[in-house]
Amino acid sequence: MKKTAIVIGSGIAGIASSIRLAVQGYQVEVFEANAYPGGKLSEIQLKGYRFDAGPSLFTLPEQVEELFRLAGKNPQDYFDYEKLEVACHYFWEDGKQVKAWADINRFAEEVESKLGEPADHIRKALQNSAYIYEHLAPLFMHRSLHQLSTWTNAQAIKSYLKMGKLGIFSTMNQANERQFQNPKLVQLFNRYATYNGSDPYQTPATLNIIPHLEFNIGAYFPKKGMHDITLSLYQLALDLGVKFHFNSKVEEILVENGKAVGIQVKGKSHPAAVVVNNMDMVNAYKTILRKQKQPKKLLSQPKSSSALIFYWGIKKQFPELGLHNILFSEDYQTEFEHIFKKGSIYQDPTVYINITSVCKPDDAPEGCMNWFTMINVPNNQGQDWDSLIAEARKNMIAKINRILKTDLEPLIEVEDVLEPRSIEFKTSSANGALYGNSSNNKFAAFLRHANYSSDIKNLYFCGGSVHPGGGIPLSLLSAKIMCGFIKD
């Protein structure tokens, strides 16, 4: 029992945790309710088209590479990727288009040429983003917020003196309106709030840390697609002796005398010295921890947004589109009011189109494209989703037709859909929220569950619903922070 560990869920943080624990000498078993690993980071195949089902943006690849090096392996033997020359293509209804070049000077010149925004405003905004990262990343991304040492170390004290400059006292939108003259550029930078399911008109300007990852550090694409992150780490875990049990839904975390001692699956007990929960924190307490003390304040926090995704096989190529594309709403603020205040979908949604066949041609038949077509939507609160989805689909196609000057419907030869109800069913994400609790107030970072249980010994937490948050890099960091608490 001394060196045995069970991981509940094989999302990206669960796999990363299994790798780290195996390197620490633990015999690790992973129990997964689905028939496949990866959680949201999975794939869909439809009649010759392949789609990355979930996360589509890859930043901080070193967080993935670190796991291979930790295990004494060469990352290139398992996984390869390339840096993007253009991070995203942006489109507006009035015909304006902007390419977000990875080269910051080129991007700045593009913005000045296309939108009339002084190039220096872009450079200063990205310098500010780097400044926020420098002071907040060591505090919020790489350490536990639930340990006194995090708040009393020299780095933390240095950051306290700069809180005003770090955006804690204004919203993202307010900060971006001060940085830029053109409303389109404000909108472009406000978009980064959606990277963790937040509202730029409510979330603090500290989230302006995100452009630093995409521009100053870089955006990347795995050469075999995003799903290869899952597959390569899964293979690494297998090579380290981790045992995976699929179609094995955990029924309960077993607790004796205030200590986690294992799990129950299909009526059978599986003992372990360490139990790691990678399941969404809210649903975990409602189900597999239902007999234990409930952290009511954390469970009652507002949830992040969700997504409505259409996977479309398009029998035509659009040369103006790249890997990442955004077709902006004419009224961004009203769109977010619908998502977070009305629990509905605005009639003119911002449409994101991810097309991996641009970088990986075999993801679609020749002359075709695989469109992962997404809008941000509210989490599931019992809405009439069938009606909302049908109306949203019509509005999305109308918007695409206007901006790309096409007739899309006849070009769609295959279709699948993912929406808040199916997201919750497939990934156990409470209410279908993609990132757990929302970040729409300045205290949100402190209202995430710790990476360990303060009530149950030997029970630990990782994944997007706990500290430091969702998305691939933060989920991987949650596993790293968590494993720092697991001592022999």
Protein backbone atom coordinates (compact mmCIF):
# COMPACT_ATOMS: atom_id res chain seq x y z
CA MET A 1 0.00 0.00 0.00
CA LYS A 2 2.85 2.39 0.78
CA LYS A 3 3.65 3.28 -2.86
CA THR A 4 0.33 2.76 -4.59
CA ALA A 5 -1.73 5.53 -6.18
CA ILE A 6 -5.09 5.70 -7.92
CA VAL A 7 -5.99 8.50 -10.33
CA ILE A 8 -9.68 9.11 -11.05
CA GLY A 9 -10.08 10.34 -14.62
CA SER A 10 -7.68 10.33 -17.56
CA GLY A 11 -8.01 13.96 -18.59
CA ILE A 12 -4.75 15.65 -19.47
CA ALA A 13 -4.05 16.49 -15.80
CA GLY A 14 -4.88 12.94 -14.72
CA ILE A 15 -2.43 11.46 -17.23
CA ALA A 16 0.22 14.00 -16.21
CA SER A 17 -0.33 13.12 -12.55
CA SER A 18 0.06 9.42 -13.31
CA ILE A 19 3.37 10.12 -15.06
CA ARG A 20 4.71 12.23 -12.20
CA LEU A 21 3.66 9.68 -9.59
CA ALA A 22 5.19 6.82 -11.58
CA VAL A 23 8.45 8.75 -11.75
CA GLN A 24 8.23 9.15 -7.96
CA GLY A 25 8.13 5.37 -7.68
CA TYR A 26 4.41 4.80 -7.22
CA GLN A 27 2.50 1.92 -8.74
CA VAL A 28 -0.25 3.89 -10.48
CA GLU A 29 -3.66 2.85 -11.74
CA VAL A 30 -5.99 5.22 -13.62
CA PHE A 31 -9.76 4.64 -13.64
CA GLU A 32 -11.67 6.28 -16.50
CA ALA A 33 -15.44 6.24 -17.11
CA ASN A 34 -15.03 6.64 -20.87
CA ALA A 35 -13.60 4.10 -23.30
CA TYR A 36 -10.70 6.41 -24.20
CA PRO A 37 -8.14 8.68 -22.50
CA GLY A 38 -7.92 12.46 -22.71
CA GLY A 39 -11.21 13.82 -21.40
CA LYS A 40 -11.92 16.98 -23.41
CA LEU A 41 -8.65 16.52 -25.33
CA SER A 42 -10.00 13.80 -27.61
CA GLU A 43 -10.89 13.46 -31.30
CA ILE A 44 -13.80 12.72 -33.63
CA GLN A 45 -13.60 10.92 -36.99
CA LEU A 46 -16.43 11.27 -39.51
CA LYS A 47 -16.34 9.81 -43.04
CA GLY A 48 -12.81 10.84 -43.93
CA TYR A 49 -12.66 13.91 -41.68
CA ARG A 50 -10.75 14.06 -38.38
CA PHE A 51 -11.48 16.71 -35.74
CA ASP A 52 -9.73 17.58 -32.51
CA ALA A 53 -12.80 17.49 -30.27
CA GLY A 54 -11.79 19.90 -27.53
CA PRO A 55 -8.94 22.35 -26.80
CA SER A 56 -7.58 23.77 -30.03
CA LEU A 57 -4.87 26.25 -28.97
CA PHE A 58 -1.46 25.01 -27.85
CA THR A 59 0.78 27.26 -25.76
CA LEU A 60 3.63 26.59 -23.31
CA PRO A 61 4.72 23.32 -25.00
CA GLU A 62 7.51 23.07 -22.44
CA GLN A 63 4.88 21.92 -19.93
CA VAL A 64 4.34 18.83 -22.10
CA GLU A 65 8.03 18.31 -22.85
CA GLU A 66 8.89 18.50 -19.16
CA LEU A 67 6.95 15.29 -18.50
CA PHE A 68 9.07 13.34 -20.99
CA ARG A 69 12.32 14.74 -19.63
CA LEU A 70 11.19 14.01 -16.09
CA ALA A 71 10.81 10.40 -17.15
CA GLY A 72 14.26 10.38 -18.76
CA LYS A 73 12.83 10.31 -22.28
CA ASN A 74 13.45 12.41 -25.38
CA PRO A 75 10.24 14.37 -26.12
CA GLN A 76 10.86 14.15 -29.88
CA ASP A 77 10.63 10.34 -29.67
CA TYR A 78 6.98 10.77 -28.69
CA PHE A 79 5.74 14.17 -29.74
CA ASP A 80 6.51 16.94 -32.24
CA TYR A 81 5.07 20.38 -32.90
CA GLU A 82 5.67 23.58 -34.85
CA LYS A 83 5.38 27.27 -34.07
CA LEU A 84 2.61 29.11 -35.89
CA GLU A 85 3.52 31.99 -38.17
CA VAL A 86 0.01 33.45 -37.71
CA ALA A 87 -1.70 32.99 -34.36
CA CYS A 88 -5.19 33.86 -35.61
CA HIS A 89 -7.13 35.39 -38.52
CA TYR A 90 -9.71 38.00 -37.47
CA PHE A 91 -12.77 39.08 -39.49
CA TRP A 92 -15.42 41.78 -38.99
CA GLU A 93 -18.74 42.40 -40.71
CA ASP A 94 -17.51 45.60 -42.41
CA GLY A 95 -14.90 43.63 -44.36
CA LYS A 96 -11.92 44.43 -42.14
CA GLN A 97 -9.47 41.56 -41.71
CA VAL A 98 -6.37 41.27 -39.52
CA LYS A 99 -3.75 38.55 -39.26
CA ALA A 100 -2.22 38.20 -35.82
CA TRP A 101 1.33 37.49 -36.91
CA ALA A 102 3.61 35.72 -34.44
CA ASP A 103 6.23 38.36 -35.23
CA ILE A 104 5.12 41.17 -32.93
CA ASN A 105 6.48 43.97 -35.11
CA ARG A 106 4.72 42.51 -38.14
CA PHE A 107 1.50 42.21 -36.14
CA ALA A 108 1.85 45.80 -34.94
CA GLU A 109 2.36 47.02 -38.50
CA GLU A 110 -0.62 44.95 -39.69
CA VAL A 111 -2.86 46.57 -37.07
CA GLU A 112 -1.66 50.06 -37.96
CA SER A 113 -2.20 49.37 -41.67
CA LYS A 114 -5.62 47.69 -41.37
CA LEU A 115 -7.17 49.40 -38.35
CA GLY A 116 -5.27 52.67 -38.04
CA GLU A 117 -4.11 51.82 -34.51
CA PRO A 118 -0.57 53.09 -33.82
CA ALA A 119 1.81 50.15 -33.98
CA ASP A 120 3.41 51.17 -30.71
CA HIS A 121 0.12 50.50 -28.89
CA ILE A 122 0.44 46.80 -29.72
CA ARG A 123 4.05 46.69 -28.57
CA LYS A 124 3.18 48.43 -25.29
CA ALA A 125 0.18 46.18 -24.68
CA LEU A 126 2.30 43.05 -25.12
CA GLN A 127 5.02 44.52 -22.91
CA ASN A 128 2.34 45.06 -20.27
CA SER A 129 1.16 41.47 -20.71
CA ALA A 130 4.72 40.25 -20.18
CA TYR A 131 4.97 42.45 -17.06
CA ILE A 132 1.82 40.87 -15.60
CA TYR A 133 3.17 37.40 -16.39
CA GLU A 134 6.51 38.16 -14.77
CA HIS A 135 4.89 39.17 -11.50
CA LEU A 136 1.83 36.93 -11.33
CA ALA A 137 2.82 33.65 -12.99
CA PRO A 138 5.20 32.63 -10.17
CA LEU A 139 2.46 33.42 -7.67
CA PHE A 140 -0.75 32.18 -9.33
CA MET A 141 0.40 29.59 -11.89
CA HIS A 142 3.34 27.79 -10.32
CA ARG A 143 2.51 27.70 -6.61
CA SER A 144 -0.42 26.72 -4.44
CA LEU A 145 -2.54 29.66 -3.27
CA HIS A 146 -3.44 27.62 -0.21
CA GLN A 147 -0.03 27.66 1.46
CA LEU A 148 1.26 30.47 3.66
CA SER A 149 4.70 30.31 2.06
CA THR A 150 3.18 31.40 -1.28
CA TRP A 151 2.16 34.72 0.25
CA THR A 152 5.25 35.39 2.35
CA ASN A 153 8.05 34.71 -0.13
CA ALA A 154 10.11 37.51 -1.67
CA GLN A 155 8.43 37.19 -5.10
CA ALA A 156 4.97 37.63 -3.58
CA ILE A 157 5.97 40.67 -1.55
CA LYS A 158 7.50 42.22 -4.67
CA SER A 159 4.20 41.68 -6.52
CA TYR A 160 2.07 43.24 -3.76
CA LEU A 161 3.72 46.59 -4.43
CA LYS A 162 2.65 46.48 -8.07
CA MET A 163 -1.00 45.36 -7.79
CA GLY A 164 -2.30 48.51 -9.47
CA LYS A 165 -0.13 47.92 -12.53
CA LEU A 166 -1.13 44.27 -12.63
CA GLY A 167 -4.78 45.05 -13.36
CA ILE A 168 -6.37 43.78 -10.17
CA PHE A 169 -8.53 46.90 -9.74
CA SER A 170 -10.05 47.24 -13.25
CA THR A 171 -11.77 44.97 -15.72
CA MET A 172 -10.12 43.59 -18.82
CA ASN A 173 -12.31 45.78 -21.01
CA GLN A 174 -11.48 48.93 -19.05
CA ALA A 175 -7.76 48.21 -19.35
CA ASN A 176 -8.02 47.50 -23.06
CA GLU A 177 -10.01 50.68 -23.70
CA ARG A 178 -7.13 52.59 -22.10
CA GLN A 179 -4.57 50.73 -24.25
CA PHE A 180 -6.25 51.06 -27.65
CA GLN A 181 -8.12 53.65 -29.69
CA ASN A 182 -9.89 51.39 -32.17
CA PRO A 183 -12.87 49.42 -30.74
CA LYS A 184 -11.97 46.49 -32.97
CA LEU A 185 -8.61 46.13 -31.26
CA VAL A 186 -10.27 46.42 -27.84
CA GLN A 187 -12.56 43.59 -28.94
CA LEU A 188 -9.62 41.52 -30.20
CA PHE A 189 -7.82 41.75 -26.86
CA ASN A 190 -11.06 41.32 -24.87
CA ARG A 191 -11.39 37.93 -26.56
CA TYR A 192 -8.69 36.50 -24.31
CA ALA A 193 -11.21 36.39 -21.46
CA THR A 194 -12.87 33.49 -23.28
CA TYR A 195 -9.69 31.42 -22.89
CA ASN A 196 -10.89 30.54 -19.39
CA GLY A 197 -14.61 31.00 -19.94
CA SER A 198 -14.89 34.53 -18.56
CA ASP A 199 -16.55 37.84 -19.43
CA PRO A 200 -14.12 40.67 -20.35
CA TYR A 201 -16.59 43.22 -18.99
CA GLN A 202 -16.45 41.60 -15.53
CA THR A 203 -13.17 39.70 -15.24
CA PRO A 204 -10.16 41.58 -13.82
CA ALA A 205 -7.52 42.96 -16.16
CA THR A 206 -5.00 40.51 -14.70
CA LEU A 207 -6.25 38.18 -17.44
CA ASN A 208 -4.35 40.39 -19.86
CA ILE A 209 -1.59 37.98 -18.91
CA ILE A 210 -2.90 35.62 -21.63
CA PRO A 211 -1.70 37.47 -24.77
CA HIS A 212 1.84 37.07 -23.44
CA LEU A 213 1.53 33.30 -23.86
CA GLU A 214 0.22 33.56 -27.42
CA PHE A 215 2.48 36.33 -28.76
CA ASN A 216 5.60 36.83 -26.63
CA ILE A 217 6.08 33.09 -26.04
CA GLY A 218 4.19 31.73 -29.03
CA ALA A 219 1.29 29.62 -30.29
CA TYR A 220 2.02 26.14 -31.62
CA PHE A 221 0.44 23.20 -33.40
CA PRO A 222 1.21 19.52 -32.73
CA LYS A 223 2.14 18.04 -36.10
CA LYS A 224 -0.28 15.13 -35.60
CA GLY A 225 -3.03 17.33 -34.16
CA MET A 226 -4.01 18.36 -30.64
CA HIS A 227 -5.15 14.84 -29.81
CA ASP A 228 -1.51 13.76 -30.12
CA ILE A 229 -0.83 15.52 -26.81
CA THR A 230 -3.14 12.97 -25.21
CA LEU A 231 -1.83 10.02 -27.18
CA SER A 232 1.85 10.80 -26.59
CA LEU A 233 1.43 11.33 -22.85
CA TYR A 234 -0.77 8.24 -22.61
CA GLN A 235 1.99 6.22 -24.30
CA LEU A 236 4.57 7.67 -21.93
CA ALA A 237 2.42 6.68 -18.96
CA LEU A 238 2.09 3.13 -20.33
CA ASP A 239 5.86 2.96 -20.85
CA LEU A 240 6.29 3.91 -17.18
CA GLY A 241 4.04 1.05 -16.09
CA VAL A 242 0.85 2.99 -15.40
CA LYS A 243 -2.21 0.76 -15.68
CA PHE A 244 -5.38 2.22 -17.23
CA HIS A 245 -8.91 0.92 -16.62
CA PHE A 246 -11.42 2.22 -19.17
CA ASN A 247 -15.22 1.97 -18.95
CA SER A 248 -14.61 2.02 -15.20
CA LYS A 249 -16.73 4.70 -13.57
CA VAL A 250 -15.72 5.35 -9.98
CA GLU A 251 -18.68 5.06 -7.60
CA GLU A 252 -17.06 6.35 -4.42
CA ILE A 253 -13.80 7.51 -2.90
CA LEU A 254 -13.38 5.34 0.18
CA VAL A 255 -12.54 7.24 3.36
CA GLU A 256 -11.68 5.71 6.73
CA ASN A 257 -10.79 7.70 9.85
CA GLY A 258 -10.35 10.90 7.84
CA LYS A 259 -8.05 9.28 5.28
CA ALA A 260 -8.62 8.29 1.64
CA VAL A 261 -7.87 4.57 1.37
CA GLY A 262 -9.05 3.76 -2.16
CA ILE A 263 -12.05 3.74 -4.46
CA GLN A 264 -15.07 1.61 -5.30
CA VAL A 265 -15.76 0.59 -8.91
CA LYS A 266 -18.63 -1.73 -9.93
CA GLY A 267 -19.08 -2.67 -6.27
CA LYS A 268 -15.44 -3.68 -5.84
CA SER A 269 -12.94 -1.91 -3.60
CA HIS A 270 -9.52 -0.89 -4.93
CA PRO A 271 -7.12 0.14 -2.13
CA ALA A 272 -4.39 2.77 -2.53
CA ALA A 273 -2.14 4.89 -0.35
CA VAL A 274 -2.84 7.99 -2.48
CA VAL A 275 -6.02 8.96 -4.32
CA VAL A 276 -5.96 11.70 -6.98
CA ASN A 277 -9.21 13.17 -8.28
CA ASN A 278 -9.07 14.53 -11.86
CA MET A 279 -12.87 14.63 -12.12
CA ASP A 280 -14.58 18.03 -12.07
CA MET A 281 -14.50 19.16 -8.45
CA VAL A 282 -18.21 20.05 -8.21
CA ASN A 283 -19.48 16.78 -9.66
CA ALA A 284 -16.94 14.83 -7.60
CA TYR A 285 -18.39 16.18 -4.36
CA LYS A 286 -21.93 15.51 -5.59
CA THR A 287 -21.16 11.91 -6.48
CA ILE A 288 -18.01 10.10 -5.41
CA LEU A 289 -17.52 12.31 -2.33
CA ARG A 290 -21.20 12.73 -1.50
CA LYS A 291 -20.75 11.17 1.98
CA GLN A 292 -17.98 13.62 2.91
CA LYS A 293 -18.04 17.19 4.19
CA GLN A 294 -19.02 19.53 1.34
CA PRO A 295 -17.13 22.79 0.59
CA LYS A 296 -20.40 24.65 0.11
CA LYS A 297 -18.87 28.04 -0.67
CA LEU A 298 -16.75 26.61 -3.50
CA LEU A 299 -19.58 24.49 -4.86
CA SER A 300 -21.93 27.47 -5.04
CA GLN A 301 -19.62 29.70 -7.07
CA PRO A 302 -20.83 30.83 -10.56
CA LYS A 303 -19.57 28.58 -13.32
CA SER A 304 -17.65 29.48 -16.46
CA SER A 305 -19.17 29.58 -19.91
CA SER A 306 -19.64 26.49 -22.02
CA ALA A 307 -19.46 25.92 -25.77
CA LEU A 308 -21.58 24.94 -28.73
CA ILE A 309 -19.43 23.22 -31.35
CA PHE A 310 -20.39 22.01 -34.80
CA TYR A 311 -17.92 19.65 -36.43
CA TRP A 312 -18.47 20.28 -40.14
CA GLY A 313 -16.87 18.54 -43.06
CA ILE A 314 -16.77 21.28 -45.72
CA LYS A 315 -16.43 20.19 -49.35
CA LYS A 316 -14.58 23.32 -50.40
CA GLN A 317 -11.40 25.16 -49.46
CA PHE A 318 -11.34 28.78 -48.26
CA PRO A 319 -7.83 30.18 -48.81
CA GLU A 320 -8.54 33.22 -46.60
CA LEU A 321 -8.91 30.97 -43.54
CA GLY A 322 -6.07 29.69 -41.39
CA LEU A 323 -5.77 27.30 -38.47
CA HIS A 324 -7.49 29.70 -36.03
CA ASN A 325 -10.19 32.12 -37.24
CA ILE A 326 -12.52 34.54 -35.46
CA LEU A 327 -15.62 36.15 -37.00
CA PHE A 328 -16.54 38.86 -34.50
CA SER A 329 -19.97 39.89 -33.25
CA GLU A 330 -21.05 43.44 -33.99
CA ASP A 331 -21.96 43.92 -30.30
CA TYR A 332 -19.53 42.06 -28.08
CA GLN A 333 -20.86 43.39 -24.78
CA THR A 334 -24.42 42.32 -25.56
CA GLU A 335 -23.13 38.88 -26.55
CA PHE A 336 -21.54 38.43 -23.12
CA GLU A 337 -24.63 39.77 -21.36
CA HIS A 338 -26.61 37.00 -23.01
CA ILE A 339 -24.06 34.37 -21.94
CA PHE A 340 -23.55 35.40 -18.31
CA LYS A 341 -26.65 37.36 -17.33
CA LYS A 342 -29.47 36.01 -19.49
CA GLY A 343 -28.28 32.42 -19.82
CA SER A 344 -28.99 32.55 -23.54
CA ILE A 345 -27.27 32.87 -26.94
CA TYR A 346 -27.06 36.21 -28.73
CA GLN A 347 -28.44 36.34 -32.26
CA ASP A 348 -25.09 37.65 -33.58
CA PRO A 349 -22.52 35.40 -31.90
CA THR A 350 -18.76 35.55 -32.36
CA VAL A 351 -17.83 32.46 -34.38
CA TYR A 352 -14.52 30.64 -33.92
CA ILE A 353 -13.44 28.25 -36.70
CA ASN A 354 -10.51 25.89 -36.11
CA ILE A 355 -9.30 24.11 -39.26
CA THR A 356 -6.51 21.63 -38.58
CA SER A 357 -6.45 20.48 -42.22
CA VAL A 358 -4.68 23.79 -42.97
CA CYS A 359 -1.65 22.39 -41.11
CA LYS A 360 -2.41 18.67 -41.38
CA PRO A 361 -3.97 18.05 -44.82
CA ASP A 362 -4.93 14.42 -44.14
CA ASP A 363 -7.53 15.62 -41.61
CA ALA A 364 -9.89 16.22 -44.55
CA PRO A 365 -10.41 14.73 -48.03
CA GLU A 366 -8.61 16.46 -50.88
CA GLY A 367 -10.14 19.83 -51.71
CA CYS A 368 -12.07 19.88 -48.40
CA MET A 369 -11.69 21.34 -44.91
CA ASN A 370 -12.53 20.13 -41.40
CA TRP A 371 -14.27 22.97 -39.56
CA PHE A 372 -14.45 22.91 -35.76
CA THR A 373 -17.00 25.74 -35.55
CA MET A 374 -17.64 27.08 -32.05
CA ILE A 375 -19.46 29.82 -30.18
CA ASN A 376 -19.32 30.61 -26.48
CA VAL A 377 -22.60 29.81 -24.73
CA PRO A 378 -23.86 29.76 -21.14
CA ASN A 379 -23.44 26.67 -19.01
CA ASN A 380 -26.41 24.37 -18.63
CA GLN A 381 -29.07 25.78 -16.34
CA GLY A 382 -31.96 23.82 -17.78
CA GLN A 383 -32.49 25.94 -20.90
CA ASP A 384 -34.40 24.64 -23.93
CA TRP A 385 -31.17 23.63 -25.64
CA ASP A 386 -32.75 22.01 -28.67
CA SER A 387 -34.37 25.32 -29.64
CA LEU A 388 -31.28 27.35 -28.75
CA ILE A 389 -28.99 25.10 -30.78
CA ALA A 390 -31.24 25.16 -33.86
CA GLU A 391 -31.46 28.98 -33.76
CA ALA A 392 -27.72 29.36 -33.09
CA ARG A 393 -26.84 27.10 -36.00
CA LYS A 394 -28.93 29.23 -38.34
CA ASN A 395 -27.33 32.44 -37.03
CA MET A 396 -23.81 31.03 -37.25
CA ILE A 397 -24.26 29.98 -40.87
CA ALA A 398 -25.79 33.37 -41.75
CA LYS A 399 -22.82 35.15 -40.21
CA ILE A 400 -20.31 32.96 -42.01
CA ASN A 401 -22.16 33.54 -45.28
CA ARG A 402 -22.05 37.32 -44.83
CA ILE A 403 -18.39 37.56 -43.91
CA LEU A 404 -16.97 34.92 -46.26
CA LYS A 405 -19.48 35.73 -49.01
CA THR A 406 -20.50 32.12 -49.48
CA ASP A 407 -23.46 29.76 -49.20
CA LEU A 408 -22.30 27.33 -46.55
CA GLU A 409 -25.20 24.94 -46.04
CA PRO A 410 -24.76 22.99 -49.33
CA LEU A 411 -21.04 22.62 -48.53
CA ILE A 412 -21.60 20.76 -45.24
CA GLU A 413 -21.31 17.05 -46.02
CA VAL A 414 -20.83 15.70 -42.48
CA GLU A 415 -21.87 17.14 -39.13
CA ASP A 416 -21.62 16.35 -35.44
CA VAL A 417 -22.37 18.59 -32.48
CA LEU A 418 -21.10 19.07 -28.93
CA GLU A 419 -23.07 21.25 -26.51
CA PRO A 420 -23.33 21.86 -22.74
CA ARG A 421 -25.41 18.77 -21.99
CA SER A 422 -23.14 16.41 -23.92
CA ILE A 423 -20.02 18.12 -22.53
CA GLU A 424 -21.23 17.35 -19.01
CA PHE A 425 -22.17 13.79 -19.95
CA LYS A 426 -18.85 13.02 -21.66
CA THR A 427 -16.47 14.85 -19.29
CA SER A 428 -18.37 15.14 -15.97
CA SER A 429 -17.94 18.94 -16.15
CA ALA A 430 -20.54 20.46 -13.84
CA ASN A 431 -23.26 22.18 -15.90
CA GLY A 432 -21.09 21.66 -18.97
CA ALA A 433 -18.89 24.56 -17.83
CA LEU A 434 -15.54 24.24 -19.59
CA TYR A 435 -13.34 25.74 -16.88
CA GLY A 436 -15.08 25.04 -13.57
CA ASN A 437 -15.84 28.18 -11.57
CA SER A 438 -15.86 31.45 -13.52
CA SER A 439 -13.17 34.12 -13.17
CA ASN A 440 -15.55 37.05 -13.30
CA ASN A 441 -14.35 38.74 -10.13
CA LYS A 442 -11.00 39.68 -8.67
CA PHE A 443 -11.22 36.99 -6.00
CA ALA A 444 -11.95 34.10 -8.39
CA ALA A 445 -8.42 32.71 -8.22
CA PHE A 446 -8.86 32.27 -4.46
CA LEU A 447 -12.19 30.50 -4.91
CA ARG A 448 -10.77 27.45 -6.64
CA HIS A 449 -10.35 24.22 -4.76
CA ALA A 450 -6.87 23.50 -3.45
CA ASN A 451 -4.76 20.72 -4.99
CA TYR A 452 -5.20 18.71 -1.80
CA SER A 453 -8.03 18.07 0.62
CA SER A 454 -7.82 19.90 3.94
CA ASP A 455 -10.29 17.42 5.47
CA ILE A 456 -9.24 14.06 4.03
CA LYS A 457 -5.64 12.93 4.19
CA ASN A 458 -4.05 11.40 1.08
CA LEU A 459 -6.74 12.87 -1.21
CA TYR A 460 -5.52 15.24 -3.92
CA PHE A 461 -7.09 17.21 -6.77
CA CYS A 462 -5.93 18.21 -10.25
CA GLY A 463 -7.49 19.44 -13.51
CA GLY A 464 -9.27 22.48 -14.85
CA SER A 465 -11.78 22.88 -12.03
CA VAL A 466 -9.14 23.35 -9.30
CA HIS A 467 -6.12 25.63 -8.89
CA PRO A 468 -4.66 27.10 -11.09
CA GLY A 469 -7.47 26.62 -13.65
CA GLY A 470 -8.43 25.22 -17.04
CA GLY A 471 -6.78 24.93 -20.43
CA ILE A 472 -3.89 22.62 -21.28
CA PRO A 473 -1.00 24.53 -19.64
CA LEU A 474 -2.84 25.26 -16.38
CA SER A 475 -4.21 21.71 -16.15
CA LEU A 476 -0.67 20.38 -16.51
CA LEU A 477 0.52 22.84 -13.88
CA SER A 478 -2.25 21.69 -11.53
CA ALA A 479 -0.78 18.19 -11.70
CA LYS A 480 2.71 19.53 -11.03
CA ILE A 481 1.61 21.61 -8.03
CA MET A 482 -0.43 18.71 -6.67
CA CYS A 483 2.39 16.19 -6.89
CA GLY A 484 4.53 18.57 -4.86
CA PHE A 485 2.26 17.81 -1.90
CA ILE A 486 2.51 14.02 -2.22
CA LYS A 487 5.33 12.90 0.02
CA ASP A 488 6.61 9.37 0.47
